N, C-alpha and C. Protein backbone atom coordinates (compact mmCIF):
# COMPACT_ATOMS: atom_id res chain seq x y z
N MET A 1 44.37 18.02 17.85
CA MET A 1 43.26 17.54 17.25
C MET A 1 43.28 16.75 16.05
N LYS A 2 42.95 15.42 16.13
CA LYS A 2 43.09 14.56 14.97
C LYS A 2 41.62 14.13 14.81
N ILE A 3 41.51 14.16 13.36
CA ILE A 3 40.19 13.74 12.97
C ILE A 3 40.37 12.59 12.24
N ASP A 4 39.37 11.63 12.64
CA ASP A 4 39.48 10.33 12.06
C ASP A 4 38.44 10.47 10.76
N TRP A 5 39.12 10.49 9.51
CA TRP A 5 38.57 10.80 8.26
C TRP A 5 37.72 9.38 7.80
N ALA A 6 38.33 8.30 8.18
CA ALA A 6 37.60 7.01 7.64
C ALA A 6 36.09 6.85 8.47
N ALA A 7 36.22 7.39 9.75
CA ALA A 7 35.12 7.11 10.69
C ALA A 7 33.99 8.25 10.26
N LEU A 8 34.38 9.59 9.93
CA LEU A 8 33.51 10.50 9.55
C LEU A 8 32.96 10.16 8.02
N GLY A 9 33.70 9.56 7.15
CA GLY A 9 33.18 9.22 5.84
C GLY A 9 32.10 7.97 6.10
N SER A 10 32.45 7.15 6.98
CA SER A 10 31.60 6.02 7.21
C SER A 10 30.07 6.50 7.70
N VAL A 11 30.30 7.44 8.77
CA VAL A 11 29.07 8.22 9.17
C VAL A 11 28.28 8.74 8.17
N PHE A 12 28.98 9.57 7.42
CA PHE A 12 28.42 10.32 6.33
C PHE A 12 27.71 9.29 5.21
N GLY A 13 28.42 8.20 4.89
CA GLY A 13 27.60 7.26 3.97
C GLY A 13 26.48 6.56 4.52
N VAL A 14 26.65 6.31 5.61
CA VAL A 14 25.40 5.40 6.32
C VAL A 14 24.33 6.30 6.60
N SER A 15 24.43 7.67 6.89
CA SER A 15 23.52 8.60 7.14
C SER A 15 22.77 9.02 5.79
N LEU A 16 23.74 9.09 4.62
CA LEU A 16 23.26 9.34 3.35
C LEU A 16 22.28 8.23 2.85
N VAL A 17 22.85 6.86 2.73
CA VAL A 17 21.80 5.75 2.50
C VAL A 17 20.44 5.68 3.35
N ALA A 18 20.71 5.91 4.75
CA ALA A 18 19.50 5.74 5.46
C ALA A 18 18.53 6.98 5.09
N THR A 19 18.97 8.08 4.91
CA THR A 19 18.11 9.24 4.36
C THR A 19 17.31 9.03 3.18
N VAL A 20 18.25 8.43 2.17
CA VAL A 20 17.54 8.21 0.76
C VAL A 20 16.49 6.91 1.04
N ALA A 21 16.81 5.97 1.79
CA ALA A 21 15.91 5.04 1.93
C ALA A 21 14.63 5.31 2.62
N LEU A 22 14.89 6.33 3.70
CA LEU A 22 13.57 6.72 4.41
C LEU A 22 12.71 7.44 3.44
N VAL A 23 13.39 8.44 2.73
CA VAL A 23 12.66 9.22 1.75
C VAL A 23 11.75 8.45 0.69
N GLY A 24 12.81 7.44 0.03
CA GLY A 24 11.95 6.56 -0.76
C GLY A 24 10.69 5.76 -0.34
N LEU A 25 11.04 5.19 0.97
CA LEU A 25 9.80 4.62 1.60
C LEU A 25 8.61 5.46 1.57
N PHE A 26 8.76 6.65 2.14
CA PHE A 26 7.65 7.64 2.30
C PHE A 26 7.13 8.04 1.04
N THR A 27 7.84 8.24 -0.08
CA THR A 27 7.44 8.47 -1.45
C THR A 27 6.52 7.23 -2.01
N LEU A 28 7.08 6.13 -1.74
CA LEU A 28 6.25 4.92 -2.02
C LEU A 28 4.83 4.86 -1.45
N GLY A 29 4.86 5.18 -0.23
CA GLY A 29 3.60 5.45 0.57
C GLY A 29 2.79 6.46 -0.07
N VAL A 30 3.16 7.55 -0.47
CA VAL A 30 2.35 8.70 -0.92
C VAL A 30 1.79 8.21 -2.33
N ILE A 31 2.82 7.70 -3.18
CA ILE A 31 2.21 7.02 -4.52
C ILE A 31 1.19 6.02 -4.27
N GLY A 32 1.33 5.12 -3.19
CA GLY A 32 0.28 4.18 -2.89
C GLY A 32 -1.06 4.63 -2.52
N LEU A 33 -0.92 5.75 -1.75
CA LEU A 33 -2.17 6.39 -1.67
C LEU A 33 -2.89 7.11 -2.69
N SER A 34 -1.91 7.57 -3.47
CA SER A 34 -2.83 8.27 -4.64
C SER A 34 -3.12 7.20 -5.68
N LYS A 35 -2.56 5.92 -5.73
CA LYS A 35 -3.10 4.97 -6.64
C LYS A 35 -4.49 4.40 -5.99
N GLN A 36 -4.50 4.69 -4.74
CA GLN A 36 -5.83 4.03 -3.95
C GLN A 36 -6.89 5.14 -4.56
N GLU A 37 -6.54 6.30 -4.42
CA GLU A 37 -7.63 7.29 -4.94
C GLU A 37 -7.97 7.20 -6.34
N GLN A 38 -7.12 6.80 -7.19
CA GLN A 38 -7.30 6.62 -8.73
C GLN A 38 -8.35 5.31 -8.74
N ALA A 39 -7.77 4.25 -8.11
CA ALA A 39 -8.56 3.04 -8.21
C ALA A 39 -10.08 3.20 -7.68
N ALA A 40 -10.03 4.02 -6.51
CA ALA A 40 -11.60 4.19 -6.24
C ALA A 40 -12.07 4.93 -7.03
N ALA A 41 -11.57 5.86 -7.81
CA ALA A 41 -12.46 6.82 -8.94
C ALA A 41 -12.99 5.91 -9.87
N GLN A 42 -12.09 5.01 -10.27
CA GLN A 42 -12.46 4.09 -11.36
C GLN A 42 -13.34 2.92 -11.11
N GLY A 43 -13.56 2.77 -10.01
CA GLY A 43 -14.56 1.97 -9.48
C GLY A 43 -13.97 0.41 -9.07
N GLY A 44 -12.57 0.44 -9.22
CA GLY A 44 -11.93 -0.89 -8.72
C GLY A 44 -11.50 -0.91 -7.36
N SER A 45 -10.76 -2.05 -6.96
CA SER A 45 -10.49 -2.28 -5.54
C SER A 45 -9.13 -1.53 -5.23
N ALA A 46 -9.11 -0.95 -4.12
CA ALA A 46 -7.66 -0.23 -3.87
C ALA A 46 -7.10 -0.99 -2.67
N THR A 47 -7.45 -2.16 -2.17
CA THR A 47 -6.97 -2.75 -0.98
C THR A 47 -5.37 -3.01 -1.10
N LEU A 48 -4.97 -3.51 -2.11
CA LEU A 48 -3.41 -3.65 -2.25
C LEU A 48 -2.61 -2.54 -2.18
N ALA A 49 -2.99 -1.25 -2.91
CA ALA A 49 -2.52 -0.08 -2.85
C ALA A 49 -2.29 0.75 -1.45
N ARG A 50 -3.61 0.46 -0.81
CA ARG A 50 -3.67 0.99 0.46
C ARG A 50 -2.91 0.27 1.60
N THR A 51 -2.92 -0.96 1.50
CA THR A 51 -2.07 -2.04 2.46
C THR A 51 -0.61 -1.65 2.10
N GLY A 52 -0.08 -1.50 0.88
CA GLY A 52 1.31 -1.22 0.47
C GLY A 52 1.71 0.09 1.04
N ALA A 53 0.88 1.27 0.99
CA ALA A 53 1.17 2.44 1.61
C ALA A 53 1.25 2.67 2.90
N TYR A 54 0.31 1.74 3.56
CA TYR A 54 0.24 1.83 5.18
C TYR A 54 1.74 0.91 5.70
N ALA A 55 2.10 0.05 4.98
CA ALA A 55 3.17 -0.75 5.21
C ALA A 55 4.31 -0.02 5.16
N CYS A 56 4.60 0.99 3.79
CA CYS A 56 5.58 1.96 3.65
C CYS A 56 5.78 3.13 4.95
N PHE A 57 4.46 3.40 5.23
CA PHE A 57 4.52 4.40 6.48
C PHE A 57 4.78 4.00 7.67
N GLY A 58 4.31 2.32 7.77
CA GLY A 58 4.79 1.75 9.11
C GLY A 58 6.27 1.80 9.19
N LEU A 59 6.90 1.34 7.96
CA LEU A 59 8.53 1.09 7.91
C LEU A 59 9.22 2.59 8.34
N CYS A 60 8.41 3.65 7.86
CA CYS A 60 9.14 4.97 8.10
C CYS A 60 8.94 5.15 9.55
N LEU A 61 7.74 4.82 10.18
CA LEU A 61 7.67 5.44 11.65
C LEU A 61 8.76 4.28 12.29
N ALA A 62 8.64 3.08 12.12
CA ALA A 62 9.65 2.11 12.78
C ALA A 62 11.35 2.75 12.69
N ALA A 63 11.59 3.16 11.64
CA ALA A 63 12.83 3.63 11.39
C ALA A 63 13.05 4.81 12.22
N VAL A 64 12.17 5.97 12.23
CA VAL A 64 12.17 6.97 13.02
C VAL A 64 12.42 6.67 14.56
N ALA A 65 11.57 5.84 14.90
CA ALA A 65 11.38 5.38 16.30
C ALA A 65 12.82 4.73 16.81
N TYR A 66 13.38 4.02 15.73
CA TYR A 66 14.46 3.35 16.37
C TYR A 66 15.53 4.49 16.31
N GLY A 67 15.56 5.33 15.42
CA GLY A 67 16.67 6.37 15.41
C GLY A 67 16.47 7.22 16.71
N ILE A 68 15.15 7.27 17.22
CA ILE A 68 15.23 8.07 18.41
C ILE A 68 15.59 7.23 19.55
N TYR A 69 15.19 5.86 19.45
CA TYR A 69 15.79 5.11 20.48
C TYR A 69 17.27 5.12 20.71
N LEU A 70 17.94 5.28 19.54
CA LEU A 70 19.40 5.08 19.78
C LEU A 70 20.10 6.40 19.97
N ILE A 71 19.16 7.54 20.11
CA ILE A 71 19.72 8.88 20.65
C ILE A 71 19.51 8.59 22.00
N VAL A 72 18.39 8.03 22.54
CA VAL A 72 18.05 8.20 23.89
C VAL A 72 18.87 7.34 24.76
N VAL A 73 18.99 6.07 24.16
CA VAL A 73 19.63 5.04 25.00
C VAL A 73 21.09 4.97 24.74
């Protein structure tokens, strides 16, 4: 049995970058929702914060759906 270390390292690197990016996007979405609540409590408009948060959550959902698609197909 021979292990292709270059391929294993490549898979590890790509999965690490994808995981950090996905967690970062989700974190930005949560921060956006918390900013929306703060702006609403102060009487300001929270449309931009809410839109950005929903965009981040949408990108997370798209990334997860694409991963499931890659596994199934």
